[in-house]
C-alpha atoms as a PDB file:
ATOM      1  CA  MET A   1     144.440 144.030 115.196  1.00  0.00           C
ATOM      2  CA  GLU A   2     148.167 145.314 115.481  1.00  0.00           C
ATOM      3  CA  VAL A   3     149.096 141.820 116.193  1.00  0.00           C
ATOM      4  CA  VAL A   4     147.565 140.812 112.853  1.00  0.00           C
ATOM      5  CA  SER A   5     149.163 143.682 110.892  1.00  0.00           C
ATOM      6  CA  ASN A   6     152.644 143.015 112.215  1.00  0.00           C
ATOM      7  CA  LEU A   7     152.091 139.163 111.306  1.00  0.00           C
ATOM      8  CA  GLN A   8     150.900 139.519 107.671  1.00  0.00           C
ATOM      9  CA  LYS A   9     154.440 142.209 107.613  1.00  0.00           C
ATOM     10  CA  LYS A  10     156.051 139.007 108.294  1.00  0.00           C
ATOM     11  CA  GLY A  11     154.491 136.993 105.777  1.00  0.00           C
ATOM     12  CA  ALA A  12     152.541 134.766 107.904  1.00  0.00           C
ATOM     13  CA  ASP A  13     149.683 133.104 106.163  1.00  0.00           C
ATOM     14  CA  LEU A  14     146.325 134.228 107.873  1.00  0.00           C
ATOM     15  CA  SER A  15     144.322 132.726 105.859  1.00  0.00           C
ATOM     16  CA  SER A  16     143.300 129.892 108.049  1.00  0.00           C
ATOM     17  CA  LEU A  17     141.839 132.252 110.804  1.00  0.00           C
ATOM     18  CA  ALA A  18     139.419 133.575 108.006  1.00  0.00           C
ATOM     19  CA  HIS A  19     136.474 131.318 109.744  1.00  0.00           C
ATOM     20  CA  LEU A  20     137.139 132.485 113.427  1.00  0.00           C
ATOM     21  CA  PRO A  21     134.111 134.954 114.095  1.00  0.00           C
ATOM     22  CA  TYR A  22     136.134 137.454 115.441  1.00  0.00           C
ATOM     23  CA  PHE A  23     138.952 137.698 112.267  1.00  0.00           C
ATOM     24  CA  CYS A  24     138.152 140.862 110.425  1.00  0.00           C
ATOM     25  CA  PRO A  25     139.742 141.762 107.173  1.00  0.00           C
ATOM     26  CA  VAL A  26     142.780 144.122 107.465  1.00  0.00           C
ATOM     27  CA  ALA A  27     143.266 145.181 103.954  1.00  0.00           C
ATOM     28  CA  ARG A  28     142.311 148.767 102.978  1.00  0.00           C
ATOM     29  CA  ILE A  29     139.640 149.391 100.211  1.00  0.00           C
ATOM     30  CA  LEU A  30     141.140 151.873  97.811  1.00  0.00           C
ATOM     31  CA  ALA A  31     138.603 154.231  95.767  1.00  0.00           C
ATOM     32  CA  ILE A  32     139.517 156.515  92.721  1.00  0.00           C
ATOM     33  CA  ASP A  33     137.338 158.981  91.296  1.00  0.00           C
ATOM     34  CA  PHE A  34     139.265 159.333  87.829  1.00  0.00           C
ATOM     35  CA  GLY A  35     139.748 162.421  85.892  1.00  0.00           C
ATOM     36  CA  THR A  36     141.692 163.757  82.882  1.00  0.00           C
ATOM     37  CA  LYS A  37     143.545 166.075  84.830  1.00  0.00           C
ATOM     38  CA  ARG A  38     143.657 164.972  88.922  1.00  0.00           C
ATOM     39  CA  CYS A  39     141.938 161.682  90.703  1.00  0.00           C
ATOM     40  CA  GLY A  40     140.622 162.139  94.007  1.00  0.00           C
ATOM     41  CA  ILE A  41     141.640 159.060  96.413  1.00  0.00           C
ATOM     42  CA  ALA A  42     139.702 157.731  99.236  1.00  0.00           C
ATOM     43  CA  VAL A  43     140.789 154.797 101.255  1.00  0.00           C
ATOM     44  CA  SER A  44     138.637 152.781 103.797  1.00  0.00           C
ATOM     45  CA  ASP A  45     140.398 151.763 107.239  1.00  0.00           C
ATOM     46  CA  PRO A  46     141.688 148.218 107.724  1.00  0.00           C
ATOM     47  CA  LEU A  47     138.410 146.687 109.029  1.00  0.00           C
ATOM     48  CA  GLN A  48     136.690 147.949 106.047  1.00  0.00           C
ATOM     49  CA  ILE A  49     133.800 149.957 107.679  1.00  0.00           C
ATOM     50  CA  ILE A  50     135.132 153.996 107.370  1.00  0.00           C
ATOM     51  CA  ALA A  51     135.877 155.540 104.037  1.00  0.00           C
ATOM     52  CA  ASN A  52     138.453 158.516 104.490  1.00  0.00           C
ATOM     53  CA  PRO A  53     139.451 160.876 101.907  1.00  0.00           C
ATOM     54  CA  LEU A  54     143.189 160.283 101.128  1.00  0.00           C
ATOM     55  CA  GLU A  55     144.833 162.460  98.380  1.00  0.00           C
ATOM     56  CA  THR A  56     144.428 164.313  94.934  1.00  0.00           C
ATOM     57  CA  VAL A  57     147.069 163.161  92.356  1.00  0.00           C
ATOM     58  CA  SER A  58     147.349 164.452  89.159  1.00  0.00           C
ATOM     59  CA  SER A  59     146.690 161.867  86.668  1.00  0.00           C
ATOM     60  CA  ASP A  60     149.861 161.542  85.044  1.00  0.00           C
ATOM     61  CA  GLN A  61     151.378 160.542  88.367  1.00  0.00           C
ATOM     62  CA  LEU A  62     148.477 158.263  89.622  1.00  0.00           C
ATOM     63  CA  GLU A  63     150.037 155.180  88.611  1.00  0.00           C
ATOM     64  CA  GLY A  64     153.017 156.137  90.633  1.00  0.00           C
ATOM     65  CA  PHE A  65     150.927 156.818  93.526  1.00  0.00           C
ATOM     66  CA  LEU A  66     149.057 153.738  93.640  1.00  0.00           C
ATOM     67  CA  ILE A  67     152.309 151.702  93.327  1.00  0.00           C
ATOM     68  CA  GLN A  68     153.859 153.186  96.212  1.00  0.00           C
ATOM     69  CA  TYR A  69     150.755 153.244  98.309  1.00  0.00           C
ATOM     70  CA  CYS A  70     150.069 149.473  97.880  1.00  0.00           C
ATOM     71  CA  LYS A  71     153.789 149.054  98.759  1.00  0.00           C
ATOM     72  CA  GLN A  72     153.344 150.765 102.091  1.00  0.00           C
ATOM     73  CA  GLU A  73     149.559 149.504 102.849  1.00  0.00           C
ATOM     74  CA  GLU A  74     147.782 146.127 102.455  1.00  0.00           C
ATOM     75  CA  VAL A  75     144.794 146.915  99.873  1.00  0.00           C
ATOM     76  CA  SER A  76     142.902 143.917  98.656  1.00  0.00           C
ATOM     77  CA  THR A  77     140.043 146.379  96.204  1.00  0.00           C
ATOM     78  CA  ILE A  78     140.619 148.859  94.063  1.00  0.00           C
ATOM     79  CA  VAL A  79     137.348 150.874  93.318  1.00  0.00           C
ATOM     80  CA  VAL A  80     137.338 153.272  90.327  1.00  0.00           C
ATOM     81  CA  GLY A  81     134.028 155.337  89.652  1.00  0.00           C
ATOM     82  CA  GLU A  82     132.473 154.827  86.049  1.00  0.00           C
ATOM     83  CA  PRO A  83     131.080 157.706  84.808  1.00  0.00           C
ATOM     84  CA  PHE A  84     127.411 157.497  83.458  1.00  0.00           C
ATOM     85  CA  HIS A  85     125.155 160.464  82.444  1.00  0.00           C
ATOM     86  CA  LEU A  86     121.963 160.693  84.448  1.00  0.00           C
ATOM     87  CA  ASP A  87     120.141 158.657  81.491  1.00  0.00           C
ATOM     88  CA  GLY A  88     122.690 155.412  81.917  1.00  0.00           C
ATOM     89  CA  ASN A  89     124.693 156.271  79.194  1.00  0.00           C
ATOM     90  CA  PRO A  90     128.643 156.207  79.468  1.00  0.00           C
ATOM     91  CA  ALA A  91     130.018 159.695  79.830  1.00  0.00           C
ATOM     92  CA  GLN A  92     132.434 161.107  77.248  1.00  0.00           C
ATOM     93  CA  ILE A  93     135.531 160.044  79.644  1.00  0.00           C
ATOM     94  CA  HIS A  94     134.491 156.218  79.989  1.00  0.00           C
ATOM     95  CA  PRO A  95     136.685 154.570  77.412  1.00  0.00           C
ATOM     96  CA  GLN A  96     139.557 156.307  79.237  1.00  0.00           C
ATOM     97  CA  VAL A  97     138.507 154.686  82.587  1.00  0.00           C
ATOM     98  CA  ILE A  98     137.699 151.499  81.181  1.00  0.00           C
ATOM     99  CA  ARG A  99     141.182 151.792  79.692  1.00  0.00           C
ATOM    100  CA  PHE A 100     142.684 152.671  83.285  1.00  0.00           C
ATOM    101  CA  VAL A 101     141.021 149.834  85.023  1.00  0.00           C
ATOM    102  CA  GLN A 102     142.106 147.306  82.423  1.00  0.00           C
ATOM    103  CA  ARG A 103     145.641 148.913  83.133  1.00  0.00           C
ATOM    104  CA  LEU A 104     145.129 148.531  87.083  1.00  0.00           C
ATOM    105  CA  LYS A 105     144.480 144.647  86.532  1.00  0.00           C
ATOM    106  CA  GLN A 106     147.496 144.633  84.447  1.00  0.00           C
ATOM    107  CA  LEU A 107     150.018 146.456  87.585  1.00  0.00           C
ATOM    108  CA  PHE A 108     147.835 145.133  90.403  1.00  0.00           C
ATOM    109  CA  PRO A 109     146.945 141.278  89.341  1.00  0.00           C
ATOM    110  CA  ASP A 110     146.597 140.381  93.136  1.00  0.00           C
ATOM    111  CA  LYS A 111     144.316 142.725  93.811  1.00  0.00           C
ATOM    112  CA  THR A 112     140.544 142.928  93.159  1.00  0.00           C
ATOM    113  CA  VAL A 113     139.943 146.012  90.436  1.00  0.00           C
ATOM    114  CA  VAL A 114     136.293 146.850  90.054  1.00  0.00           C
ATOM    115  CA  THR A 115     133.888 149.887  89.002  1.00  0.00           C
ATOM    116  CA  GLN A 116     131.101 151.595  91.045  1.00  0.00           C
ATOM    117  CA  ASP A 117     128.783 153.729  89.193  1.00  0.00           C
ATOM    118  CA  GLU A 118     129.841 157.554  90.238  1.00  0.00           C
ATOM    119  CA  ARG A 119     126.644 158.886  88.489  1.00  0.00           C
ATOM    120  CA  PHE A 120     125.776 161.553  91.101  1.00  0.00           C
ATOM    121  CA  THR A 121     129.043 161.689  93.326  1.00  0.00           C
ATOM    122  CA  SER A 122     130.269 165.055  92.411  1.00  0.00           C
ATOM    123  CA  GLU A 123     126.811 166.807  92.716  1.00  0.00           C
ATOM    124  CA  ASP A 124     126.573 164.842  95.945  1.00  0.00           C
ATOM    125  CA  ALA A 125     130.096 165.768  97.063  1.00  0.00           C
ATOM    126  CA  LYS A 126     129.658 169.853  96.351  1.00  0.00           C
ATOM    127  CA  LYS A 127     126.136 169.528  98.523  1.00  0.00           C
ATOM    128  CA  ILE A 128     128.242 167.954 100.971  1.00  0.00           C
ATOM    129  CA  ILE A 129     131.106 170.277 101.168  1.00  0.00           C
ATOM    130  CA  LEU A 130     128.802 173.326 100.879  1.00  0.00           C
ATOM    131  CA  ALA A 131     126.495 171.950 104.363  1.00  0.00           C
ATOM    132  CA  SER A 132     129.934 171.261 105.849  1.00  0.00           C
ATOM    133  CA  GLY A 133     130.160 175.490 106.085  1.00  0.00           C
ATOM    134  CA  VAL A 134     133.725 175.331 104.439  1.00  0.00           C
ATOM    135  CA  ARG A 135     134.572 178.922 103.192  1.00  0.00           C
ATOM    136  CA  LYS A 136     133.856 179.947  99.969  1.00  0.00           C
ATOM    137  CA  LYS A 137     137.400 179.836  98.698  1.00  0.00           C
ATOM    138  CA  LYS A 138     137.714 176.177 100.051  1.00  0.00           C
ATOM    139  CA  ARG A 139     134.751 175.111  98.308  1.00  0.00           C
ATOM    140  CA  ARG A 140     136.119 175.980  94.635  1.00  0.00           C
ATOM    141  CA  ASP A 141     138.916 173.867  95.273  1.00  0.00           C
ATOM    142  CA  LYS A 142     138.222 170.895  92.731  1.00  0.00           C
ATOM    143  CA  SER A 143     140.550 168.667  94.643  1.00  0.00           C
ATOM    144  CA  LEU A 144     138.252 168.513  97.383  1.00  0.00           C
ATOM    145  CA  VAL A 145     135.583 167.721  95.342  1.00  0.00           C
ATOM    146  CA  ASP A 146     137.584 165.070  93.826  1.00  0.00           C
ATOM    147  CA  ARG A 147     138.632 163.719  97.200  1.00  0.00           C
ATOM    148  CA  VAL A 148     134.899 164.040  98.517  1.00  0.00           C
ATOM    149  CA  SER A 149     133.353 162.115  95.369  1.00  0.00           C
ATOM    150  CA  ALA A 150     135.916 159.337  95.832  1.00  0.00           C
ATOM    151  CA  VAL A 151     134.715 158.825  99.770  1.00  0.00           C
ATOM    152  CA  LEU A 152     131.495 158.601  98.202  1.00  0.00           C
ATOM    153  CA  ILE A 153     132.547 156.249  95.462  1.00  0.00           C
ATOM    154  CA  LEU A 154     133.870 153.993  98.185  1.00  0.00           C
ATOM    155  CA  GLN A 155     130.987 154.119 100.750  1.00  0.00           C
ATOM    156  CA  GLU A 156     128.817 153.210  98.096  1.00  0.00           C
ATOM    157  CA  TYR A 157     130.941 149.797  97.393  1.00  0.00           C
ATOM    158  CA  MET A 158     131.399 148.958 100.723  1.00  0.00           C
ATOM    159  CA  GLU A 159     127.790 149.474 101.480  1.00  0.00           C
ATOM    160  CA  SER A 160     126.921 147.390  98.304  1.00  0.00           C
ATOM    161  CA  GLN A 161     129.239 144.573  99.552  1.00  0.00           C
ATOM    162  CA  ARG A 162     127.320 144.267 102.939  1.00  0.00           C
END
């Protein structure tokens, strides 16, 4: 796998290898749990199998963070959590998320930018954190909930692509 990454960094065109049964994707998928104050970010491994929490970034620094990250790592897809209420109606922040998605498409025309329903992620994230045995003080850390929510968004997206 390291050989493939090194070839890509040197600008080699590997598209002709995609038909080989042992050729696997080497670009990561990045997921964002968008919020007005801060955003949780998760990323897949290069084989697009495992979702890992990456960072929580303030919303006003998110674009710069993403530009820098995408310069350092190969990212094929950016998944943004799309907020809906339990009844299926868009949440109050929905228009901001859609504007953000449109901005990402402008910033990263070479990447796939998609949305993923995030209806239950925050509540599920809180349950996961509670079940993990994290101390009460750490459970109150909203940035942890944002990162775990981003992981859940990414996992759901990757499962939907299989």
